[in-house]
Amino acid sequence: MSAKLLDGKALAAGLKERIKAEIQGLKTKPKLVSVQVGENPASEVYLRSQRKNAENLGVEYRLQKLDEKATEVQLIKVINSLNNDKGVNGIIIQMPLPGHIDAKLISQYLSPIKDVEAVHPQNMGEIVFGNAKILPCTAASCMELLNSIEGIELYGKEACVVGHSEIVGKPLALLLLNKFVTTTVCHIATGQRGTLPEFVKKAEILIVAVGKAGLIKGDWVKEGAIVIDVGINLVEGKLVGDVEFDKAQERAGYITPVPGGVGPLTVAILMRNLVEAYKLQQK
């Protein structure tokens, strides 16, 4: 058996076509501002992708750069200015921030209806109640991939989410629970205790977002499982995920490639969030 590939590129292309059509029907162009503090090579790929997608979809895009030595107070002042600017519909704070700035604190200063990455506590809280309009991009991408599988019934399925970050693991667990998926979340303590394999082996849906190449062994994967690998790691000049792909592909029913799985969808979801933010602001 060889797993079917879940093609994030094709899904993203279809999603962007729908977003483009919706943007063309809006009264004005949505405007997205990305705020970057200092220079970070890891951010550059995401920034280029933001700009390129914005141009293709008819979104006005601006990158606002602050010096690496900018203080939390200075960054908050910029955020407040963008919050109050009626011409700005979406704000992204580019991660990672320099070490002297508390990212969790900064996220609280974003206007919840301009927070297109859904990092504000209010947007996180809306997920708990199952009525969030703006969702964390990577977590939403995973759900988009699951929903793309024809004939899948999520209700009652057993899922294992490996990784419990605020931007992927935690919101993803809530999104799965909202679909009545029986969900287990594993993290560093699970690995230290040595029980990670037993949770993975039971999972009909396995989603891994840790950032550690080959963490999940292919022979742990349940026969016929759906495997979504969020991890992106550079190993000997090659991008690989957190799951041993070749062995996992032999056992899984569906699997995402790395690259080409979750990644292409995240910017498409970001733009969908921008349109939602625009509509919320009109109300």
Protein backbone atom coordinates (compact mmCIF):
# COMPACT_ATOMS: atom_id res chain seq x y z
CA MET A 1 0.00 0.00 0.00
CA SER A 2 1.22 3.51 -0.77
CA ALA A 3 -0.53 6.52 0.71
CA LYS A 4 -2.27 9.10 -1.46
CA LEU A 5 -0.56 12.50 -1.36
CA LEU A 6 -2.55 15.43 -0.01
CA ASP A 7 -1.65 18.19 -2.46
CA GLY A 8 -1.51 21.51 -0.60
CA LYS A 9 -0.48 23.42 -3.74
CA ALA A 10 -3.59 22.42 -5.68
CA LEU A 11 -5.85 23.17 -2.70
CA ALA A 12 -4.20 26.57 -2.20
CA ALA A 13 -4.63 27.43 -5.90
CA GLY A 14 -8.38 26.71 -5.73
CA LEU A 15 -8.76 28.63 -2.48
CA LYS A 16 -6.90 31.66 -3.88
CA GLU A 17 -9.13 31.73 -6.96
CA ARG A 18 -12.19 31.97 -4.69
CA ILE A 19 -10.53 34.66 -2.55
CA LYS A 20 -9.55 36.67 -5.64
CA ALA A 21 -13.13 36.62 -6.90
CA GLU A 22 -14.40 37.74 -3.48
CA ILE A 23 -11.84 40.59 -3.29
CA GLN A 24 -12.93 41.83 -6.73
CA GLY A 25 -16.44 42.19 -5.32
CA LEU A 26 -15.37 44.39 -2.38
CA LYS A 27 -15.81 48.17 -2.42
CA THR A 28 -12.11 48.85 -1.83
CA LYS A 29 -8.86 46.86 -1.90
CA PRO A 30 -8.11 45.22 1.47
CA LYS A 31 -4.85 46.51 2.96
CA LEU A 32 -2.39 44.27 4.82
CA VAL A 33 0.55 45.59 6.86
CA SER A 34 3.35 43.33 8.06
CA VAL A 35 5.52 44.67 10.90
CA GLN A 36 9.08 43.39 11.15
CA VAL A 37 11.50 44.19 13.99
CA GLY A 38 15.12 43.81 12.88
CA GLU A 39 16.35 41.49 10.14
CA ASN A 40 15.67 37.76 10.24
CA PRO A 41 16.60 35.48 7.30
CA ALA A 42 14.00 32.90 8.40
CA SER A 43 11.24 35.50 7.90
CA GLU A 44 12.26 36.50 4.40
CA VAL A 45 10.63 33.56 2.60
CA TYR A 46 7.30 34.21 4.35
CA LEU A 47 7.52 37.95 3.64
CA ARG A 48 8.17 37.37 -0.07
CA SER A 49 5.25 34.94 -0.19
CA GLN A 50 2.97 37.49 1.52
CA ARG A 51 3.89 40.21 -0.97
CA LYS A 52 3.59 37.96 -4.04
CA ASN A 53 0.20 36.58 -3.00
CA ALA A 54 -1.08 40.03 -2.10
CA GLU A 55 -0.14 41.35 -5.56
CA ASN A 56 -1.75 38.37 -7.32
CA LEU A 57 -5.00 38.64 -5.36
CA GLY A 58 -5.47 42.41 -5.55
CA VAL A 59 -4.47 43.17 -1.94
CA GLU A 60 -2.59 46.33 -1.00
CA TYR A 61 0.51 45.27 0.95
CA ARG A 62 3.04 47.19 3.03
CA LEU A 63 6.04 46.04 5.05
CA GLN A 64 6.82 48.29 8.01
CA LYS A 65 10.32 47.76 9.41
CA LEU A 66 11.55 48.72 12.86
CA ASP A 67 15.15 48.72 14.08
CA GLU A 68 16.29 45.58 15.91
CA LYS A 69 16.78 47.69 19.05
CA ALA A 70 13.19 48.97 19.01
CA THR A 71 11.55 48.63 22.43
CA GLU A 72 8.24 46.99 23.31
CA VAL A 73 6.80 50.48 23.89
CA GLN A 74 7.85 51.60 20.39
CA LEU A 75 6.36 48.47 18.79
CA ILE A 76 3.09 48.88 20.72
CA LYS A 77 2.93 52.51 19.52
CA VAL A 78 3.19 51.31 15.89
CA ILE A 79 0.49 48.65 16.49
CA ASN A 80 -1.87 51.21 18.07
CA SER A 81 -1.36 53.51 15.08
CA LEU A 82 -2.26 50.67 12.67
CA ASN A 83 -5.24 49.65 14.84
CA ASN A 84 -6.59 53.21 14.54
CA ASP A 85 -5.91 53.55 10.80
CA LYS A 86 -9.21 52.83 9.03
CA GLY A 87 -7.33 52.21 5.78
CA VAL A 88 -5.56 49.17 7.30
CA ASN A 89 -7.57 45.93 7.42
CA GLY A 90 -4.99 43.38 8.52
CA ILE A 91 -1.87 43.42 10.71
CA ILE A 92 0.85 40.76 11.01
CA ILE A 93 3.65 40.92 13.57
CA GLN A 94 6.50 39.07 11.91
CA MET A 95 8.02 36.30 14.04
CA PRO A 96 10.45 35.70 15.57
CA LEU A 97 10.75 38.97 17.46
CA PRO A 98 14.09 39.94 19.06
CA GLY A 99 14.67 38.36 22.48
CA HIS A 100 13.97 41.54 24.47
CA ILE A 101 10.37 41.71 23.15
CA ASP A 102 7.64 39.50 24.66
CA ALA A 103 5.61 38.13 21.72
CA LYS A 104 2.67 37.05 23.92
CA LEU A 105 2.44 40.52 25.42
CA ILE A 106 2.61 42.18 21.98
CA SER A 107 -0.16 39.96 20.55
CA GLN A 108 -2.57 41.37 23.15
CA TYR A 109 -2.24 44.88 21.67
CA LEU A 110 -3.49 43.87 18.20
CA SER A 111 -7.06 44.78 17.34
CA PRO A 112 -8.84 41.37 17.28
CA ILE A 113 -10.59 42.28 14.01
CA LYS A 114 -7.29 43.20 12.33
CA ASP A 115 -5.35 40.23 13.71
CA VAL A 116 -5.13 38.13 10.53
CA GLU A 117 -2.95 35.43 12.12
CA ALA A 118 -5.40 34.96 15.03
CA VAL A 119 -2.81 35.33 17.79
CA HIS A 120 -4.88 37.70 19.95
CA PRO A 121 -6.35 35.98 23.06
CA GLN A 122 -9.89 36.93 21.97
CA ASN A 123 -9.47 35.13 18.63
CA MET A 124 -8.03 32.10 20.40
CA GLY A 125 -10.96 32.16 22.81
CA GLU A 126 -13.49 32.26 19.96
CA ILE A 127 -12.16 28.84 18.83
CA VAL A 128 -13.20 27.37 22.20
CA PHE A 129 -16.80 28.40 21.51
CA GLY A 130 -16.64 27.16 17.91
CA ASN A 131 -17.55 30.49 16.31
CA ALA A 132 -14.18 31.96 15.25
CA LYS A 133 -14.18 33.91 11.98
CA ILE A 134 -10.39 34.33 11.92
CA LEU A 135 -8.32 31.18 12.54
CA PRO A 136 -4.58 30.57 13.10
CA CYS A 137 -3.26 29.99 9.58
CA THR A 138 -1.35 26.72 10.04
CA ALA A 139 -4.01 25.06 12.20
CA ALA A 140 -6.70 26.09 9.68
CA SER A 141 -4.52 24.70 6.84
CA CYS A 142 -4.49 21.30 8.53
CA MET A 143 -8.30 21.34 8.79
CA GLU A 144 -8.54 22.40 5.13
CA LEU A 145 -6.46 19.34 4.15
CA LEU A 146 -8.63 17.02 6.26
CA ASN A 147 -11.83 18.44 4.78
CA SER A 148 -10.46 17.96 1.25
CA ILE A 149 -10.49 14.16 1.58
CA GLU A 150 -13.58 12.82 -0.15
CA GLY A 151 -15.85 10.65 1.95
CA ILE A 152 -14.04 11.23 5.26
CA GLU A 153 -16.24 11.38 8.36
CA LEU A 154 -14.32 13.19 11.11
CA TYR A 155 -17.03 12.59 13.75
CA GLY A 156 -15.71 10.07 16.31
CA LYS A 157 -12.29 9.59 14.69
CA GLU A 158 -9.23 9.27 16.96
CA ALA A 159 -6.58 11.95 16.40
CA CYS A 160 -3.14 12.54 17.84
CA VAL A 161 -1.63 16.03 17.65
CA VAL A 162 2.11 16.04 18.37
CA GLY A 163 3.18 19.52 19.48
CA HIS A 164 1.26 21.96 21.69
CA SER A 165 2.30 25.41 20.49
CA GLU A 166 -0.08 28.36 20.69
CA ILE A 167 -0.11 28.78 16.90
CA VAL A 168 -0.59 25.15 15.82
CA GLY A 169 -1.06 22.39 18.38
CA LYS A 170 -3.44 24.03 20.86
CA PRO A 171 -5.82 25.71 18.38
CA LEU A 172 -5.74 22.62 16.16
CA ALA A 173 -6.80 20.40 19.07
CA LEU A 174 -9.76 22.74 19.67
CA LEU A 175 -10.73 22.76 15.98
CA LEU A 176 -10.69 18.95 15.97
CA LEU A 177 -12.76 18.80 19.18
CA ASN A 178 -15.30 21.14 17.57
CA LYS A 179 -15.71 18.43 14.88
CA PHE A 180 -16.20 15.77 17.62
CA VAL A 181 -12.83 14.16 16.94
CA THR A 182 -11.44 12.31 19.97
CA THR A 183 -8.18 14.21 20.32
CA THR A 184 -4.94 13.49 22.19
CA VAL A 185 -2.21 16.14 22.40
CA CYS A 186 1.38 14.98 22.88
CA HIS A 187 4.38 17.17 23.71
CA ILE A 188 7.93 17.11 25.04
CA ALA A 189 6.90 15.48 28.33
CA THR A 190 5.18 12.64 26.42
CA GLY A 191 8.46 11.98 24.62
CA GLN A 192 10.47 12.12 27.84
CA ARG A 193 8.13 9.62 29.44
CA GLY A 194 8.58 7.29 26.44
CA THR A 195 4.86 6.97 25.64
CA LEU A 196 4.80 8.91 22.34
CA PRO A 197 4.84 5.77 20.11
CA GLU A 198 1.77 4.25 21.79
CA PHE A 199 -0.33 7.40 21.24
CA VAL A 200 0.83 7.72 17.62
CA LYS A 201 0.09 4.05 16.85
CA LYS A 202 -3.59 4.46 17.82
CA ALA A 203 -4.18 7.61 15.75
CA GLU A 204 -6.47 7.47 12.72
CA ILE A 205 -5.49 11.12 12.17
CA LEU A 206 -1.89 12.06 12.98
CA ILE A 207 -0.80 15.71 12.85
CA VAL A 208 2.79 16.55 13.77
CA ALA A 209 4.07 20.10 14.36
CA VAL A 210 7.30 20.00 16.32
CA GLY A 211 10.18 20.99 14.03
CA LYS A 212 12.36 17.93 14.62
CA ALA A 213 13.30 15.88 11.56
CA GLY A 214 12.32 12.20 11.72
CA LEU A 215 10.78 12.49 15.20
CA ILE A 216 7.88 10.19 14.22
CA LYS A 217 9.08 6.82 12.96
CA GLY A 218 7.29 5.45 9.91
CA ASP A 219 6.51 2.12 11.56
CA TRP A 220 4.60 3.91 14.35
CA VAL A 221 1.96 5.05 11.85
CA LYS A 222 -1.35 3.18 11.99
CA GLU A 223 -2.35 1.34 8.80
CA GLY A 224 -4.58 3.59 6.70
CA ALA A 225 -4.06 6.68 8.90
CA ILE A 226 -4.21 10.27 7.65
CA VAL A 227 -0.81 11.89 8.28
CA ILE A 228 -0.38 15.68 8.17
CA ASP A 229 3.23 16.76 8.65
CA VAL A 230 3.58 20.44 9.54
CA GLY A 231 7.32 20.26 10.28
CA ILE A 232 9.84 21.88 7.94
CA ASN A 233 13.46 20.98 8.63
CA LEU A 234 16.61 21.43 6.54
CA VAL A 235 18.67 18.23 6.51
CA GLU A 236 21.73 18.01 4.25
CA GLY A 237 20.35 20.74 2.01
CA LYS A 238 16.94 19.05 1.69
CA LEU A 239 13.61 20.07 3.25
CA VAL A 240 12.04 17.26 5.28
CA GLY A 241 9.19 16.97 7.76
CA ASP A 242 8.88 15.61 11.31
CA VAL A 243 7.67 12.21 10.04
CA GLU A 244 9.84 9.55 8.36
CA PHE A 245 8.12 10.02 5.03
CA ASP A 246 9.12 6.93 3.00
CA LYS A 247 8.19 4.40 5.70
CA ALA A 248 5.07 6.32 6.75
CA GLN A 249 3.87 6.45 3.14
CA GLU A 250 3.91 2.64 3.01
CA ARG A 251 1.48 2.44 5.95
CA ALA A 252 -0.70 5.57 5.76
CA GLY A 253 -3.86 6.05 3.71
CA TYR A 254 -3.14 9.75 3.08
CA ILE A 255 -0.02 11.83 3.74
CA THR A 256 1.21 15.36 3.10
CA PRO A 257 4.51 15.84 1.29
CA VAL A 258 7.16 18.21 2.67
CA PRO A 259 7.39 20.66 1.00
CA GLY A 260 4.07 21.02 -0.84
CA GLY A 261 1.61 19.98 1.86
CA VAL A 262 0.63 22.37 4.65
CA GLY A 263 2.99 25.21 3.65
CA PRO A 264 1.31 26.47 0.45
CA LEU A 265 -2.05 26.70 2.21
CA THR A 266 -0.92 28.95 5.08
CA VAL A 267 -0.61 32.14 3.00
CA ALA A 268 -3.91 31.37 1.25
CA ILE A 269 -5.58 31.08 4.68
CA LEU A 270 -3.88 34.34 5.71
CA MET A 271 -5.51 36.09 2.75
CA ARG A 272 -8.87 34.47 3.55
CA ASN A 273 -8.50 35.83 7.10
CA LEU A 274 -7.81 39.30 5.66
CA VAL A 275 -11.09 39.20 3.72
CA GLU A 276 -12.94 38.08 6.87
CA ALA A 277 -11.28 40.91 8.83
CA TYR A 278 -12.30 43.42 6.13
CA LYS A 279 -15.93 42.24 6.32
CA LEU A 280 -15.97 42.38 10.14
CA GLN A 281 -14.68 45.97 9.98
CA GLN A 282 -17.44 46.97 7.54
CA LYS A 283 -20.01 45.77 10.09
